[in-house]
Amino acid sequence: MRQSPEPHLLHLSKDKKLAGIMTNPLPTLAIQKNIALKLIGSIMSQQLSVKVATVIYTRFLALYDGKQPTAQQILDTPAATLRSIGLSNAKVGYVHNVARFTVDEKLTDKKLIKMDDEEVIRYLTQIKGVGRWTVEMLLMFDLCREDVFAVDDLGLQQAMMRLYKLDNTDKKAFREKLLKLSKKWAPYRSYASRYLWAWKDTKQE
């Protein structure tokens, strides 16, 4: 007996252009532990190449003997120590902000898992230095939510411009067009986004 395709594949394949780039299966994601630390890691990696971000994060863990630190340990780490691993003043502040929020709010993975997507976004963007895009990536890759569409992600915008032959001259109209296209993919917009990123990274000009 043939196994039927996964629901997201059946649904997204209705978009013929998207179906044309869904050639390889996506890597399987699993819900991560210690979400607050994942948030700190994503702040550290902002505006850096993957290679540089990995080096900095490895140095960060080395401050705690290679183990994952608690929020309180991070909060107790002097700013000068965090700067010494290659973080800017602003990022040091943001890292401490997340750690302080985690301690003050008694933030646990369980608490976040119980919230819906918009609740998680509203809750975590209270932290100075944490923007909507950062939380959207957390929802998609660490909490494994299936219906996230980060409309402001540059890579997604570039992929959709190319695939759907869109004009981005009028920024407002372009954004509306992206949102309209993405609505067809609900409730599997995370999968669609991941296919678009993968296609953009491998597509030859």
C-alpha atoms as a PDB file:
ATOM      1  CA  MET A   1       0.000   0.000   0.000  1.00  0.00           C
ATOM      2  CA  ARG A   2       1.408   3.377  -1.034  1.00  0.00           C
ATOM      3  CA  GLN A   3       1.897   5.925   1.697  1.00  0.00           C
ATOM      4  CA  SER A   4      -0.103   9.082   1.048  1.00  0.00           C
ATOM      5  CA  PRO A   5       1.886  12.336   0.869  1.00  0.00           C
ATOM      6  CA  GLU A   6       2.122  14.484   3.963  1.00  0.00           C
ATOM      7  CA  PRO A   7      -0.717  17.041   4.295  1.00  0.00           C
ATOM      8  CA  HIS A   8       1.584  20.029   3.743  1.00  0.00           C
ATOM      9  CA  LEU A   9       2.849  18.575   0.462  1.00  0.00           C
ATOM     10  CA  LEU A  10      -0.681  18.018  -0.866  1.00  0.00           C
ATOM     11  CA  HIS A  11      -1.771  21.503   0.125  1.00  0.00           C
ATOM     12  CA  LEU A  12       1.293  23.433  -1.104  1.00  0.00           C
ATOM     13  CA  SER A  13       1.370  21.536  -4.403  1.00  0.00           C
ATOM     14  CA  LYS A  14      -1.832  23.357  -5.382  1.00  0.00           C
ATOM     15  CA  ASP A  15       0.430  26.372  -6.008  1.00  0.00           C
ATOM     16  CA  LYS A  16       2.000  25.225  -9.283  1.00  0.00           C
ATOM     17  CA  LYS A  17       4.952  27.613  -9.097  1.00  0.00           C
ATOM     18  CA  LEU A  18       5.760  26.541  -5.556  1.00  0.00           C
ATOM     19  CA  ALA A  19       5.244  22.876  -6.493  1.00  0.00           C
ATOM     20  CA  GLY A  20       7.933  23.313  -9.160  1.00  0.00           C
ATOM     21  CA  ILE A  21      10.610  24.057  -6.535  1.00  0.00           C
ATOM     22  CA  MET A  22       9.536  21.466  -3.954  1.00  0.00           C
ATOM     23  CA  THR A  23      11.951  18.932  -5.376  1.00  0.00           C
ATOM     24  CA  ASN A  24      13.852  17.797  -2.275  1.00  0.00           C
ATOM     25  CA  PRO A  25      12.393  16.830   1.110  1.00  0.00           C
ATOM     26  CA  LEU A  26      12.982  19.315   3.914  1.00  0.00           C
ATOM     27  CA  PRO A  27      15.114  18.307   6.924  1.00  0.00           C
ATOM     28  CA  THR A  28      12.935  17.234   9.852  1.00  0.00           C
ATOM     29  CA  LEU A  29      12.734  19.707  12.734  1.00  0.00           C
ATOM     30  CA  ALA A  30      12.217  18.869  16.392  1.00  0.00           C
ATOM     31  CA  ILE A  31      11.041  21.135  19.216  1.00  0.00           C
ATOM     32  CA  GLN A  32      14.165  22.424  20.949  1.00  0.00           C
ATOM     33  CA  LYS A  33      14.887  22.665  24.643  1.00  0.00           C
ATOM     34  CA  ASN A  34      16.067  25.814  26.466  1.00  0.00           C
ATOM     35  CA  ILE A  35      14.255  28.224  24.129  1.00  0.00           C
ATOM     36  CA  ALA A  36      15.558  31.285  26.021  1.00  0.00           C
ATOM     37  CA  LEU A  37      19.125  30.241  25.211  1.00  0.00           C
ATOM     38  CA  LYS A  38      18.132  29.737  21.544  1.00  0.00           C
ATOM     39  CA  LEU A  39      16.819  33.321  21.585  1.00  0.00           C
ATOM     40  CA  ILE A  40      20.139  34.559  22.986  1.00  0.00           C
ATOM     41  CA  GLY A  41      22.004  32.607  20.302  1.00  0.00           C
ATOM     42  CA  SER A  42      19.910  34.163  17.538  1.00  0.00           C
ATOM     43  CA  ILE A  43      20.593  37.666  18.906  1.00  0.00           C
ATOM     44  CA  MET A  44      24.325  36.928  18.886  1.00  0.00           C
ATOM     45  CA  SER A  45      24.165  35.745  15.263  1.00  0.00           C
ATOM     46  CA  GLN A  46      22.264  38.755  13.875  1.00  0.00           C
ATOM     47  CA  GLN A  47      24.039  40.436  10.929  1.00  0.00           C
ATOM     48  CA  LEU A  48      26.862  37.890  11.037  1.00  0.00           C
ATOM     49  CA  SER A  49      27.797  35.085   8.682  1.00  0.00           C
ATOM     50  CA  VAL A  50      26.990  31.560   9.910  1.00  0.00           C
ATOM     51  CA  LYS A  51      30.724  30.880  10.282  1.00  0.00           C
ATOM     52  CA  VAL A  52      31.425  33.938  12.473  1.00  0.00           C
ATOM     53  CA  ALA A  53      28.232  33.386  14.496  1.00  0.00           C
ATOM     54  CA  THR A  54      29.276  29.785  15.215  1.00  0.00           C
ATOM     55  CA  VAL A  55      32.713  30.928  16.421  1.00  0.00           C
ATOM     56  CA  ILE A  56      31.187  33.518  18.772  1.00  0.00           C
ATOM     57  CA  TYR A  57      28.614  31.082  20.145  1.00  0.00           C
ATOM     58  CA  THR A  58      31.325  28.470  20.772  1.00  0.00           C
ATOM     59  CA  ARG A  59      33.359  31.095  22.683  1.00  0.00           C
ATOM     60  CA  PHE A  60      30.206  31.981  24.620  1.00  0.00           C
ATOM     61  CA  LEU A  61      29.652  28.365  25.742  1.00  0.00           C
ATOM     62  CA  ALA A  62      33.363  28.099  26.616  1.00  0.00           C
ATOM     63  CA  LEU A  63      32.752  30.767  29.300  1.00  0.00           C
ATOM     64  CA  TYR A  64      30.623  28.124  31.041  1.00  0.00           C
ATOM     65  CA  ASP A  65      32.944  25.124  30.456  1.00  0.00           C
ATOM     66  CA  GLY A  66      31.122  24.196  27.259  1.00  0.00           C
ATOM     67  CA  LYS A  67      27.814  23.642  29.068  1.00  0.00           C
ATOM     68  CA  GLN A  68      24.549  25.484  28.437  1.00  0.00           C
ATOM     69  CA  PRO A  69      24.360  28.293  31.011  1.00  0.00           C
ATOM     70  CA  THR A  70      21.255  29.190  32.980  1.00  0.00           C
ATOM     71  CA  ALA A  71      19.719  32.639  32.526  1.00  0.00           C
ATOM     72  CA  GLN A  72      21.002  33.596  36.001  1.00  0.00           C
ATOM     73  CA  GLN A  73      24.576  32.580  35.050  1.00  0.00           C
ATOM     74  CA  ILE A  74      24.373  34.765  31.929  1.00  0.00           C
ATOM     75  CA  LEU A  75      22.993  37.635  33.987  1.00  0.00           C
ATOM     76  CA  ASP A  76      25.900  37.246  36.437  1.00  0.00           C
ATOM     77  CA  THR A  77      28.465  37.355  33.584  1.00  0.00           C
ATOM     78  CA  PRO A  78      30.047  40.847  33.416  1.00  0.00           C
ATOM     79  CA  ALA A  79      29.483  42.875  30.239  1.00  0.00           C
ATOM     80  CA  ALA A  80      33.267  43.070  29.701  1.00  0.00           C
ATOM     81  CA  THR A  81      33.482  39.256  29.634  1.00  0.00           C
ATOM     82  CA  LEU A  82      30.740  39.038  27.016  1.00  0.00           C
ATOM     83  CA  ARG A  83      32.413  41.772  24.956  1.00  0.00           C
ATOM     84  CA  SER A  84      35.665  39.792  25.056  1.00  0.00           C
ATOM     85  CA  ILE A  85      34.134  36.975  22.952  1.00  0.00           C
ATOM     86  CA  GLY A  86      33.348  39.416  20.120  1.00  0.00           C
ATOM     87  CA  LEU A  87      29.920  40.819  21.009  1.00  0.00           C
ATOM     88  CA  SER A  88      29.153  44.502  20.469  1.00  0.00           C
ATOM     89  CA  ASN A  89      27.996  46.682  23.381  1.00  0.00           C
ATOM     90  CA  ALA A  90      24.449  46.627  21.998  1.00  0.00           C
ATOM     91  CA  LYS A  91      24.373  42.821  21.730  1.00  0.00           C
ATOM     92  CA  VAL A  92      25.767  42.424  25.250  1.00  0.00           C
ATOM     93  CA  GLY A  93      22.873  44.587  26.462  1.00  0.00           C
ATOM     94  CA  TYR A  94      20.325  42.533  24.508  1.00  0.00           C
ATOM     95  CA  VAL A  95      21.748  39.228  25.800  1.00  0.00           C
ATOM     96  CA  HIS A  96      21.462  40.498  29.371  1.00  0.00           C
ATOM     97  CA  ASN A  97      17.925  41.763  28.616  1.00  0.00           C
ATOM     98  CA  VAL A  98      16.803  38.267  27.538  1.00  0.00           C
ATOM     99  CA  ALA A  99      18.467  36.663  30.565  1.00  0.00           C
ATOM    100  CA  ARG A 100      16.846  39.190  32.929  1.00  0.00           C
ATOM    101  CA  PHE A 101      13.409  38.680  31.314  1.00  0.00           C
ATOM    102  CA  THR A 102      13.814  34.891  31.623  1.00  0.00           C
ATOM    103  CA  VAL A 103      14.614  35.155  35.337  1.00  0.00           C
ATOM    104  CA  ASP A 104      11.985  37.806  36.148  1.00  0.00           C
ATOM    105  CA  GLU A 105       9.211  36.065  34.176  1.00  0.00           C
ATOM    106  CA  LYS A 106      10.260  32.559  35.279  1.00  0.00           C
ATOM    107  CA  LEU A 107      10.220  31.765  31.573  1.00  0.00           C
ATOM    108  CA  THR A 108      10.129  28.080  30.711  1.00  0.00           C
ATOM    109  CA  ASP A 109       9.838  26.120  27.468  1.00  0.00           C
ATOM    110  CA  LYS A 110       6.501  24.793  28.742  1.00  0.00           C
ATOM    111  CA  LYS A 111       5.147  28.328  29.086  1.00  0.00           C
ATOM    112  CA  LEU A 112       6.030  29.192  25.475  1.00  0.00           C
ATOM    113  CA  ILE A 113       4.767  25.890  24.052  1.00  0.00           C
ATOM    114  CA  LYS A 114       1.317  26.622  25.537  1.00  0.00           C
ATOM    115  CA  MET A 115       1.071  30.001  23.738  1.00  0.00           C
ATOM    116  CA  ASP A 116      -0.128  30.494  20.176  1.00  0.00           C
ATOM    117  CA  ASP A 117       2.168  32.150  17.611  1.00  0.00           C
ATOM    118  CA  GLU A 118       0.985  35.733  18.074  1.00  0.00           C
ATOM    119  CA  GLU A 119       1.080  35.398  21.867  1.00  0.00           C
ATOM    120  CA  VAL A 120       4.718  34.262  21.682  1.00  0.00           C
ATOM    121  CA  ILE A 121       5.546  37.214  19.383  1.00  0.00           C
ATOM    122  CA  ARG A 122       3.810  39.755  21.656  1.00  0.00           C
ATOM    123  CA  TYR A 123       5.391  38.256  24.776  1.00  0.00           C
ATOM    124  CA  LEU A 124       9.013  38.064  23.585  1.00  0.00           C
ATOM    125  CA  THR A 125       9.128  41.330  21.618  1.00  0.00           C
ATOM    126  CA  GLN A 126       8.632  43.131  24.942  1.00  0.00           C
ATOM    127  CA  ILE A 127      12.360  42.464  25.419  1.00  0.00           C
ATOM    128  CA  LYS A 128      14.522  45.302  24.113  1.00  0.00           C
ATOM    129  CA  GLY A 129      16.624  43.936  21.257  1.00  0.00           C
ATOM    130  CA  VAL A 130      14.167  41.200  20.275  1.00  0.00           C
ATOM    131  CA  GLY A 131      12.244  41.990  17.096  1.00  0.00           C
ATOM    132  CA  ARG A 132       9.364  40.235  15.379  1.00  0.00           C
ATOM    133  CA  TRP A 133      11.629  38.506  12.797  1.00  0.00           C
ATOM    134  CA  THR A 134      13.810  36.970  15.532  1.00  0.00           C
ATOM    135  CA  VAL A 135      10.743  35.501  17.253  1.00  0.00           C
ATOM    136  CA  GLU A 136       9.321  34.272  13.929  1.00  0.00           C
ATOM    137  CA  MET A 137      12.539  32.297  13.324  1.00  0.00           C
ATOM    138  CA  LEU A 138      12.305  30.915  16.869  1.00  0.00           C
ATOM    139  CA  LEU A 139       8.698  29.846  16.254  1.00  0.00           C
ATOM    140  CA  MET A 140       9.604  28.159  12.999  1.00  0.00           C
ATOM    141  CA  PHE A 141      12.858  26.408  13.835  1.00  0.00           C
ATOM    142  CA  ASP A 142      12.813  25.922  17.624  1.00  0.00           C
ATOM    143  CA  LEU A 143       9.111  25.598  18.436  1.00  0.00           C
ATOM    144  CA  CYS A 144       8.333  23.887  15.083  1.00  0.00           C
ATOM    145  CA  ARG A 145       5.216  25.943  14.344  1.00  0.00           C
ATOM    146  CA  GLU A 146       3.870  25.089  10.887  1.00  0.00           C
ATOM    147  CA  ASP A 147       2.201  28.335   9.845  1.00  0.00           C
ATOM    148  CA  VAL A 148       4.735  31.150  10.224  1.00  0.00           C
ATOM    149  CA  PHE A 149       5.422  33.625   7.416  1.00  0.00           C
ATOM    150  CA  ALA A 150       8.153  36.213   8.059  1.00  0.00           C
ATOM    151  CA  VAL A 151       7.120  38.810   5.490  1.00  0.00           C
ATOM    152  CA  ASP A 152      10.105  41.062   6.296  1.00  0.00           C
ATOM    153  CA  ASP A 153      12.709  38.349   5.683  1.00  0.00           C
ATOM    154  CA  LEU A 154      14.956  39.512   2.831  1.00  0.00           C
ATOM    155  CA  GLY A 155      15.731  35.987   1.597  1.00  0.00           C
ATOM    156  CA  LEU A 156      12.028  35.134   1.344  1.00  0.00           C
ATOM    157  CA  GLN A 157      11.312  38.402  -0.440  1.00  0.00           C
ATOM    158  CA  GLN A 158      14.083  37.740  -2.979  1.00  0.00           C
ATOM    159  CA  ALA A 159      12.924  34.164  -3.599  1.00  0.00           C
ATOM    160  CA  MET A 160       9.286  35.221  -4.087  1.00  0.00           C
ATOM    161  CA  MET A 161      10.280  38.098  -6.374  1.00  0.00           C
ATOM    162  CA  ARG A 162      12.114  35.645  -8.605  1.00  0.00           C
ATOM    163  CA  LEU A 163       9.559  32.826  -8.515  1.00  0.00           C
ATOM    164  CA  TYR A 164       6.451  34.970  -8.978  1.00  0.00           C
ATOM    165  CA  LYS A 165       8.062  37.726 -11.100  1.00  0.00           C
ATOM    166  CA  LEU A 166       7.138  40.447  -8.605  1.00  0.00           C
ATOM    167  CA  ASP A 167       8.102  44.123  -8.715  1.00  0.00           C
ATOM    168  CA  ASN A 168       9.236  45.617  -5.397  1.00  0.00           C
ATOM    169  CA  THR A 169       9.335  49.283  -6.479  1.00  0.00           C
ATOM    170  CA  ASP A 170       6.264  50.129  -4.410  1.00  0.00           C
ATOM    171  CA  LYS A 171       7.235  48.659  -1.025  1.00  0.00           C
ATOM    172  CA  LYS A 172       3.716  48.751   0.431  1.00  0.00           C
ATOM    173  CA  ALA A 173       2.110  47.088  -2.601  1.00  0.00           C
ATOM    174  CA  PHE A 174       4.932  44.518  -2.717  1.00  0.00           C
ATOM    175  CA  ARG A 175       4.408  43.611   0.948  1.00  0.00           C
ATOM    176  CA  GLU A 176       0.664  43.236   0.406  1.00  0.00           C
ATOM    177  CA  LYS A 177       1.293  40.982  -2.602  1.00  0.00           C
ATOM    178  CA  LEU A 178       3.613  38.753  -0.513  1.00  0.00           C
ATOM    179  CA  LEU A 179       0.996  38.448   2.224  1.00  0.00           C
ATOM    180  CA  LYS A 180      -1.741  37.685  -0.317  1.00  0.00           C
ATOM    181  CA  LEU A 181       0.355  34.950  -1.968  1.00  0.00           C
ATOM    182  CA  SER A 182       1.287  33.443   1.408  1.00  0.00           C
ATOM    183  CA  LYS A 183      -2.362  33.199   2.517  1.00  0.00           C
ATOM    184  CA  LYS A 184      -2.854  30.414  -0.043  1.00  0.00           C
ATOM    185  CA  TRP A 185      -0.209  28.357   1.776  1.00  0.00           C
ATOM    186  CA  ALA A 186      -1.886  28.526   5.211  1.00  0.00           C
ATOM    187  CA  PRO A 187      -1.823  26.527   7.471  1.00  0.00           C
ATOM    188  CA  TYR A 188       1.610  25.412   6.201  1.00  0.00           C
ATOM    189  CA  ARG A 189       3.416  28.694   5.553  1.00  0.00           C
ATOM    190  CA  SER A 190       6.528  27.592   7.473  1.00  0.00           C
ATOM    191  CA  TYR A 191       7.069  24.721   5.021  1.00  0.00           C
ATOM    192  CA  ALA A 192       6.523  27.027   2.030  1.00  0.00           C
ATOM    193  CA  SER A 193       9.085  29.469   3.466  1.00  0.00           C
ATOM    194  CA  ARG A 194      11.641  26.714   3.969  1.00  0.00           C
ATOM    195  CA  TYR A 195      11.182  25.482   0.390  1.00  0.00           C
ATOM    196  CA  LEU A 196      11.678  29.046  -0.879  1.00  0.00           C
ATOM    197  CA  TRP A 197      14.869  29.525   1.153  1.00  0.00           C
ATOM    198  CA  ALA A 198      16.266  26.178   0.011  1.00  0.00           C
ATOM    199  CA  TRP A 199      15.472  26.990  -3.623  1.00  0.00           C
ATOM    200  CA  LYS A 200      17.020  30.441  -3.364  1.00  0.00           C
ATOM    201  CA  ASP A 201      20.227  28.997  -1.882  1.00  0.00           C
ATOM    202  CA  THR A 202      20.660  26.342  -4.581  1.00  0.00           C
ATOM    203  CA  LYS A 203      19.161  28.006  -7.668  1.00  0.00           C
ATOM    204  CA  GLN A 204      21.668  28.842 -10.349  1.00  0.00           C
ATOM    205  CA  GLU A 205      21.330  32.175 -12.101  1.00  0.00           C
END
